[in-house]
């Protein structure tokens, strides 16, 4: 049994474990996907070993560079449209090793 309430500190919440993401090999991969998106293409940027906050900031930068929308899902960045070249140039300027993968 775990402690739920204490008269000294009140209600005690158990510490939640942050989900562990698989560690990448240091190479950022950009691929274009259309599957399950009603024919609309998105660029998926994976392999970034960043925490949630810096990942969201990088996603915001990429959206500004490409001039389109996007989101962060499960440790990957999804950018709408086919802007792989712009994304690759921007990430290489920031010092990442980038490969274009997929179709």
N, C-alpha and C. Protein backbone atom coordinates (compact mmCIF):
# COMPACT_ATOMS: atom_id res chain seq x y z
N UNK A 1 0.84 -1.19 0.00
CA UNK A 1 0.00 0.00 0.00
C UNK A 1 0.88 1.24 0.00
N UNK A 2 0.38 2.26 -0.65
CA UNK A 2 1.13 3.51 -0.69
C UNK A 2 0.42 4.56 0.13
N UNK A 3 1.16 5.54 0.60
CA UNK A 3 0.64 6.61 1.42
C UNK A 3 -0.18 7.57 0.56
N UNK A 4 -1.41 7.87 0.95
CA UNK A 4 -2.30 8.72 0.17
C UNK A 4 -2.46 10.10 0.81
N UNK A 5 -2.49 10.17 2.14
CA UNK A 5 -2.71 11.43 2.82
C UNK A 5 -1.84 11.49 4.06
N UNK A 6 -1.31 12.67 4.33
CA UNK A 6 -0.51 12.88 5.53
C UNK A 6 -0.98 14.18 6.18
N UNK A 7 -1.05 14.20 7.51
CA UNK A 7 -1.51 15.40 8.20
C UNK A 7 -0.50 16.54 8.07
N UNK A 8 0.76 16.22 7.75
CA UNK A 8 1.78 17.25 7.62
C UNK A 8 1.70 17.97 6.26
N UNK A 9 1.52 17.22 5.19
CA UNK A 9 1.58 17.82 3.85
C UNK A 9 0.28 17.71 3.07
N UNK A 10 -0.70 17.02 3.57
CA UNK A 10 -1.97 16.89 2.86
C UNK A 10 -1.96 15.72 1.88
N UNK A 11 -2.70 15.88 0.79
CA UNK A 11 -2.81 14.80 -0.20
C UNK A 11 -1.47 14.57 -0.89
N UNK A 12 -1.11 13.32 -1.02
CA UNK A 12 0.17 12.95 -1.62
C UNK A 12 -0.10 12.28 -2.95
N UNK A 13 0.48 12.86 -4.00
CA UNK A 13 0.34 12.27 -5.33
C UNK A 13 1.61 11.50 -5.66
N UNK A 14 1.45 10.31 -6.19
CA UNK A 14 2.67 9.58 -6.61
C UNK A 14 3.30 10.29 -7.81
N UNK A 15 4.64 10.26 -7.86
CA UNK A 15 5.33 10.90 -8.97
C UNK A 15 5.09 10.12 -10.25
N UNK A 16 4.69 10.85 -11.30
CA UNK A 16 4.43 10.20 -12.58
C UNK A 16 5.73 10.06 -13.36
N UNK A 17 5.92 8.88 -13.93
CA UNK A 17 7.10 8.65 -14.76
C UNK A 17 6.88 9.24 -16.14
N UNK A 18 7.89 9.96 -16.64
CA UNK A 18 7.80 10.50 -17.99
C UNK A 18 8.05 9.36 -18.97
N UNK A 19 7.28 9.31 -20.06
CA UNK A 19 7.50 8.21 -21.02
C UNK A 19 8.87 8.32 -21.67
N UNK A 20 9.57 7.21 -21.73
CA UNK A 20 10.91 7.19 -22.30
C UNK A 20 10.82 7.05 -23.82
N UNK A 21 11.50 7.94 -24.52
CA UNK A 21 11.56 7.84 -25.98
C UNK A 21 12.80 7.05 -26.35
N UNK A 22 12.72 6.29 -27.42
CA UNK A 22 13.93 5.57 -27.84
C UNK A 22 15.01 6.55 -28.29
N UNK A 23 16.24 6.27 -27.89
CA UNK A 23 17.35 7.14 -28.27
C UNK A 23 17.67 6.92 -29.75
N UNK A 24 17.91 8.01 -30.45
CA UNK A 24 18.24 7.93 -31.86
C UNK A 24 19.72 7.65 -32.06
N UNK A 25 20.12 7.57 -33.32
CA UNK A 25 21.53 7.34 -33.64
C UNK A 25 22.25 8.64 -33.97
N UNK A 26 21.63 9.78 -33.65
CA UNK A 26 22.25 11.07 -33.88
C UNK A 26 21.97 11.64 -35.26
N UNK A 27 21.19 10.92 -36.07
CA UNK A 27 20.86 11.40 -37.41
C UNK A 27 19.39 11.78 -37.44
N UNK A 28 19.11 13.00 -37.88
CA UNK A 28 17.73 13.47 -37.99
C UNK A 28 17.23 13.05 -39.36
N UNK A 29 16.07 12.38 -39.38
CA UNK A 29 15.51 11.92 -40.65
C UNK A 29 14.24 12.71 -40.98
N UNK A 30 14.15 13.12 -42.25
CA UNK A 30 12.97 13.85 -42.72
C UNK A 30 12.33 12.99 -43.80
N UNK A 31 11.06 12.65 -43.61
CA UNK A 31 10.37 11.88 -44.63
C UNK A 31 8.99 12.46 -44.91
N UNK A 32 8.53 12.24 -46.13
CA UNK A 32 7.22 12.73 -46.53
C UNK A 32 6.22 11.59 -46.36
N UNK A 33 5.09 11.88 -45.71
CA UNK A 33 4.05 10.88 -45.51
C UNK A 33 2.71 11.40 -46.00
N UNK A 34 1.93 10.51 -46.62
CA UNK A 34 0.57 10.88 -47.01
C UNK A 34 -0.42 9.87 -46.48
N UNK A 35 0.07 8.78 -45.92
CA UNK A 35 -0.79 7.68 -45.48
C UNK A 35 -1.71 8.11 -44.33
N UNK A 36 -2.99 7.88 -44.48
CA UNK A 36 -3.95 8.19 -43.43
C UNK A 36 -4.24 9.67 -43.27
N UNK A 37 -3.91 10.48 -44.29
CA UNK A 37 -4.10 11.92 -44.20
C UNK A 37 -4.94 12.46 -45.36
N UNK A 38 -5.73 11.58 -45.96
CA UNK A 38 -6.62 11.95 -47.08
C UNK A 38 -5.84 12.59 -48.22
N UNK A 39 -4.66 12.06 -48.53
CA UNK A 39 -3.87 12.55 -49.65
C UNK A 39 -3.03 13.78 -49.36
N UNK A 40 -3.21 14.39 -48.21
CA UNK A 40 -2.42 15.57 -47.84
C UNK A 40 -1.05 15.11 -47.34
N UNK A 41 0.00 15.72 -47.86
CA UNK A 41 1.34 15.32 -47.47
C UNK A 41 1.86 16.12 -46.28
N UNK A 42 2.62 15.46 -45.43
CA UNK A 42 3.31 16.14 -44.33
C UNK A 42 4.75 15.65 -44.30
N UNK A 43 5.64 16.48 -43.80
CA UNK A 43 7.03 16.10 -43.58
C UNK A 43 7.18 15.74 -42.11
N UNK A 44 7.66 14.53 -41.86
CA UNK A 44 7.85 14.06 -40.49
C UNK A 44 9.34 14.11 -40.16
N UNK A 45 9.69 14.88 -39.14
CA UNK A 45 11.08 15.04 -38.71
C UNK A 45 11.25 14.18 -37.45
N UNK A 46 12.07 13.13 -37.56
CA UNK A 46 12.27 12.24 -36.41
C UNK A 46 13.76 12.11 -36.12
N UNK A 47 14.06 11.55 -34.94
CA UNK A 47 15.46 11.36 -34.55
C UNK A 47 16.05 12.51 -33.76
N UNK A 48 15.20 13.46 -33.34
CA UNK A 48 15.69 14.57 -32.53
C UNK A 48 15.69 14.16 -31.06
N UNK A 49 16.86 14.16 -30.43
CA UNK A 49 16.95 13.80 -29.01
C UNK A 49 16.78 15.05 -28.17
N UNK A 50 15.56 15.59 -28.15
CA UNK A 50 15.26 16.80 -27.38
C UNK A 50 14.09 16.53 -26.45
N UNK A 51 14.04 17.29 -25.36
CA UNK A 51 12.90 17.23 -24.45
C UNK A 51 11.71 17.94 -25.09
N UNK A 52 10.54 17.89 -24.44
CA UNK A 52 9.32 18.45 -25.02
C UNK A 52 9.40 19.94 -25.29
N UNK A 53 9.90 20.73 -24.33
CA UNK A 53 9.92 22.19 -24.50
C UNK A 53 10.82 22.63 -25.66
N UNK A 54 12.09 22.18 -25.74
CA UNK A 54 12.91 22.58 -26.88
C UNK A 54 12.38 22.05 -28.21
N UNK A 55 11.73 20.88 -28.16
CA UNK A 55 11.16 20.30 -29.38
C UNK A 55 10.04 21.19 -29.92
N UNK A 56 9.22 21.72 -29.03
CA UNK A 56 8.13 22.62 -29.45
C UNK A 56 8.68 23.92 -30.01
N UNK A 57 9.77 24.43 -29.41
CA UNK A 57 10.40 25.66 -29.92
C UNK A 57 10.98 25.43 -31.31
N UNK A 58 11.61 24.28 -31.52
CA UNK A 58 12.17 23.96 -32.82
C UNK A 58 11.05 23.80 -33.86
N UNK A 59 9.95 23.19 -33.44
CA UNK A 59 8.80 23.04 -34.35
C UNK A 59 8.26 24.41 -34.76
N UNK A 60 8.21 25.34 -33.82
CA UNK A 60 7.73 26.69 -34.13
C UNK A 60 8.67 27.37 -35.13
N UNK A 61 9.99 27.19 -34.95
CA UNK A 61 10.95 27.76 -35.90
C UNK A 61 10.75 27.18 -37.29
N UNK A 62 10.58 25.86 -37.37
CA UNK A 62 10.41 25.21 -38.67
C UNK A 62 9.12 25.66 -39.36
N UNK A 63 8.08 25.86 -38.57
CA UNK A 63 6.82 26.32 -39.16
C UNK A 63 6.98 27.73 -39.73
N UNK A 64 7.75 28.57 -39.06
CA UNK A 64 7.99 29.92 -39.57
C UNK A 64 8.84 29.88 -40.84
N UNK A 65 9.87 29.03 -40.84
CA UNK A 65 10.74 28.91 -42.01
C UNK A 65 9.95 28.44 -43.23
N UNK A 66 9.07 27.45 -43.02
CA UNK A 66 8.32 26.87 -44.14
C UNK A 66 7.06 27.68 -44.47
N UNK A 67 6.60 28.50 -43.56
CA UNK A 67 5.40 29.29 -43.79
C UNK A 67 4.14 28.45 -43.81
N UNK A 68 4.10 27.42 -42.97
CA UNK A 68 2.91 26.57 -42.92
C UNK A 68 2.74 26.01 -41.50
N UNK A 69 1.69 25.25 -41.31
CA UNK A 69 1.36 24.71 -39.99
C UNK A 69 2.10 23.43 -39.70
N UNK A 70 1.89 22.93 -38.50
CA UNK A 70 2.51 21.68 -38.10
C UNK A 70 2.21 21.38 -36.64
N UNK A 71 2.75 20.26 -36.15
CA UNK A 71 2.51 19.88 -34.77
C UNK A 71 3.65 18.99 -34.27
N UNK A 72 3.64 18.74 -32.95
CA UNK A 72 4.59 17.83 -32.33
C UNK A 72 3.81 16.65 -31.79
N UNK A 73 4.16 15.44 -32.24
CA UNK A 73 3.48 14.22 -31.79
C UNK A 73 4.50 13.14 -31.48
N UNK A 74 4.46 12.61 -30.27
CA UNK A 74 5.29 11.48 -29.86
C UNK A 74 6.78 11.67 -30.16
N UNK A 75 7.30 12.87 -29.92
CA UNK A 75 8.73 13.12 -30.12
C UNK A 75 9.13 13.37 -31.55
N UNK A 76 8.14 13.48 -32.46
CA UNK A 76 8.44 13.83 -33.85
C UNK A 76 7.74 15.14 -34.19
N UNK A 77 8.27 15.85 -35.18
CA UNK A 77 7.66 17.09 -35.63
C UNK A 77 7.02 16.83 -36.98
N UNK A 78 5.76 17.22 -37.13
CA UNK A 78 5.06 17.09 -38.40
C UNK A 78 4.83 18.49 -38.97
N UNK A 79 5.33 18.72 -40.18
CA UNK A 79 5.17 20.00 -40.87
C UNK A 79 4.31 19.76 -42.10
N UNK A 80 3.27 20.57 -42.29
CA UNK A 80 2.37 20.38 -43.41
C UNK A 80 3.05 20.71 -44.72
N UNK A 81 2.68 19.98 -45.77
CA UNK A 81 3.22 20.24 -47.10
C UNK A 81 4.56 19.55 -47.31
N UNK A 82 5.12 19.73 -48.49
CA UNK A 82 6.41 19.11 -48.82
C UNK A 82 7.49 20.18 -48.80
N UNK A 83 8.09 20.39 -47.64
CA UNK A 83 9.13 21.42 -47.48
C UNK A 83 10.41 20.79 -46.96
N UNK A 84 10.71 19.58 -47.43
CA UNK A 84 11.88 18.85 -46.91
C UNK A 84 13.18 19.61 -47.11
N UNK A 85 13.33 20.27 -48.27
CA UNK A 85 14.58 20.97 -48.55
C UNK A 85 14.79 22.14 -47.58
N UNK A 86 13.73 22.92 -47.34
CA UNK A 86 13.84 24.05 -46.41
C UNK A 86 14.16 23.56 -45.00
N UNK A 87 13.50 22.47 -44.59
CA UNK A 87 13.73 21.92 -43.25
C UNK A 87 15.17 21.43 -43.12
N UNK A 88 15.65 20.74 -44.17
CA UNK A 88 17.02 20.20 -44.14
C UNK A 88 18.04 21.33 -44.00
N UNK A 89 17.89 22.38 -44.79
CA UNK A 89 18.83 23.51 -44.73
C UNK A 89 18.83 24.15 -43.34
N UNK A 90 17.63 24.35 -42.78
CA UNK A 90 17.52 25.01 -41.48
C UNK A 90 18.15 24.15 -40.37
N UNK A 91 17.88 22.84 -40.39
CA UNK A 91 18.44 21.96 -39.35
C UNK A 91 19.95 21.82 -39.48
N UNK A 92 20.47 21.83 -40.71
CA UNK A 92 21.93 21.76 -40.88
C UNK A 92 22.61 23.02 -40.37
N UNK A 93 21.95 24.18 -40.51
CA UNK A 93 22.49 25.42 -39.95
C UNK A 93 22.58 25.34 -38.43
N UNK A 94 21.64 24.62 -37.82
CA UNK A 94 21.63 24.49 -36.36
C UNK A 94 22.59 23.41 -35.87
N UNK A 95 23.25 22.70 -36.79
CA UNK A 95 24.27 21.74 -36.39
C UNK A 95 23.80 20.30 -36.32
N UNK A 96 22.66 19.96 -36.87
CA UNK A 96 22.17 18.58 -36.88
C UNK A 96 22.68 17.87 -38.12
N UNK A 97 22.84 16.54 -38.03
CA UNK A 97 23.14 15.72 -39.20
C UNK A 97 21.80 15.26 -39.76
N UNK A 98 21.52 15.59 -41.03
CA UNK A 98 20.19 15.38 -41.59
C UNK A 98 20.25 14.47 -42.79
N UNK A 99 19.27 13.54 -42.86
CA UNK A 99 19.11 12.68 -44.03
C UNK A 99 17.67 12.75 -44.49
N UNK A 100 17.47 12.77 -45.82
CA UNK A 100 16.13 12.65 -46.37
C UNK A 100 15.85 11.16 -46.53
N UNK A 101 14.71 10.71 -46.02
CA UNK A 101 14.38 9.29 -46.11
C UNK A 101 12.94 9.12 -46.59
N UNK A 102 12.64 7.93 -47.04
CA UNK A 102 11.27 7.65 -47.49
C UNK A 102 10.98 8.25 -48.85
N UNK A 103 9.68 8.16 -49.24
CA UNK A 103 9.28 8.58 -50.58
C UNK A 103 9.08 9.98 -50.77
